[in-house]
Amino acid sequence: MNTFVEHIVIEDGRRGGRPCVRGTRITVGDVLGWLAGGMSEAAILADFKELTAEDIRACLSYAAAEMDHASVTVAA
């Protein structure tokens, strides 16, 4: 079972249908971008009080599940 199902939702009309942390307008991509940019989990949680550590892990789990496909397109 996916560990993100209770935390990540996709709703028409919310952030263009992008996956968001439940109850927020924060997308999985936002969280991944902050982590990739060097923000620590502690810094993200301090800046975004509506997020939990479980939400951040759910974003990572969602991204991992999305990448688990037979083919991945790599930009040139």
Protein backbone atom coordinates (compact mmCIF):
# COMPACT_ATOMS: atom_id res chain seq x y z
CA MET A 1 0.00 0.00 0.00
CA ASN A 2 1.23 3.49 -0.82
CA THR A 3 2.18 5.53 2.21
CA PHE A 4 1.04 8.80 0.66
CA VAL A 5 -2.66 8.12 0.10
CA GLU A 6 -3.80 9.83 3.31
CA HIS A 7 -1.70 12.93 2.67
CA ILE A 8 -1.68 13.63 -1.08
CA VAL A 9 -4.78 14.58 -3.07
CA ILE A 10 -5.49 15.65 -6.64
CA GLU A 11 -8.51 17.90 -7.09
CA ASP A 12 -9.77 19.62 -10.21
CA GLY A 13 -9.44 23.37 -9.83
CA ARG A 14 -6.78 23.24 -7.14
CA ARG A 15 -3.33 24.19 -8.40
CA GLY A 16 -4.21 23.04 -11.90
CA GLY A 17 -4.90 19.47 -10.83
CA ARG A 18 -1.40 18.97 -9.48
CA PRO A 19 -0.99 16.65 -6.48
CA CYS A 20 -1.20 18.66 -3.24
CA VAL A 21 -0.77 18.01 0.44
CA ARG A 22 -4.29 17.41 1.79
CA GLY A 23 -5.88 20.57 3.20
CA THR A 24 -3.32 22.90 1.62
CA ARG A 25 -2.45 24.43 -1.72
CA ILE A 26 1.14 23.19 -1.37
CA THR A 27 2.03 20.84 -4.22
CA VAL A 28 4.25 17.79 -4.12
CA GLY A 29 6.42 19.66 -6.62
CA ASP A 30 6.76 22.60 -4.22
CA VAL A 31 8.04 20.32 -1.46
CA LEU A 32 10.39 18.44 -3.80
CA GLY A 33 11.73 21.73 -5.13
CA TRP A 34 12.44 23.03 -1.65
CA LEU A 35 14.26 19.82 -0.72
CA ALA A 36 16.20 19.82 -3.99
CA GLY A 37 17.11 23.45 -3.41
CA GLY A 38 18.75 22.54 -0.11
CA MET A 39 16.02 23.35 2.42
CA SER A 40 16.05 20.99 5.35
CA GLU A 41 12.92 19.30 6.60
CA ALA A 42 13.18 21.44 9.74
CA ALA A 43 13.33 24.65 7.68
CA ILE A 44 10.30 23.64 5.61
CA LEU A 45 8.32 22.79 8.73
CA ALA A 46 9.30 26.11 10.33
CA ASP A 47 8.24 28.09 7.24
CA PHE A 48 5.04 26.16 6.52
CA LYS A 49 3.28 25.44 9.82
CA GLU A 50 0.46 23.61 8.02
CA LEU A 51 2.88 20.83 6.96
CA THR A 52 4.00 17.87 9.03
CA ALA A 53 7.02 15.61 8.74
CA GLU A 54 4.61 12.91 7.55
CA ASP A 55 3.45 15.22 4.74
CA ILE A 56 7.03 15.64 3.55
CA ARG A 57 7.61 11.88 3.58
CA ALA A 58 4.32 11.41 1.71
CA CYS A 59 5.54 13.80 -1.00
CA LEU A 60 8.72 11.77 -1.37
CA SER A 61 6.75 8.53 -1.44
CA TYR A 62 4.38 9.93 -4.08
CA ALA A 63 7.32 11.02 -6.26
CA ALA A 64 8.97 7.61 -5.91
CA ALA A 65 5.74 5.85 -6.91
CA GLU A 66 5.33 8.13 -9.93
CA MET A 67 8.87 7.33 -11.07
CA ASP A 68 8.27 3.59 -10.80
CA HIS A 69 7.23 3.19 -14.44
CA ALA A 70 8.68 1.06 -17.19
CA SER A 71 9.80 4.07 -19.22
CA VAL A 72 11.03 7.51 -18.25
CA THR A 73 11.52 10.34 -20.72
CA VAL A 74 14.81 12.17 -20.34
CA ALA A 75 15.08 15.69 -21.70
CA ALA A 76 17.96 16.28 -24.08
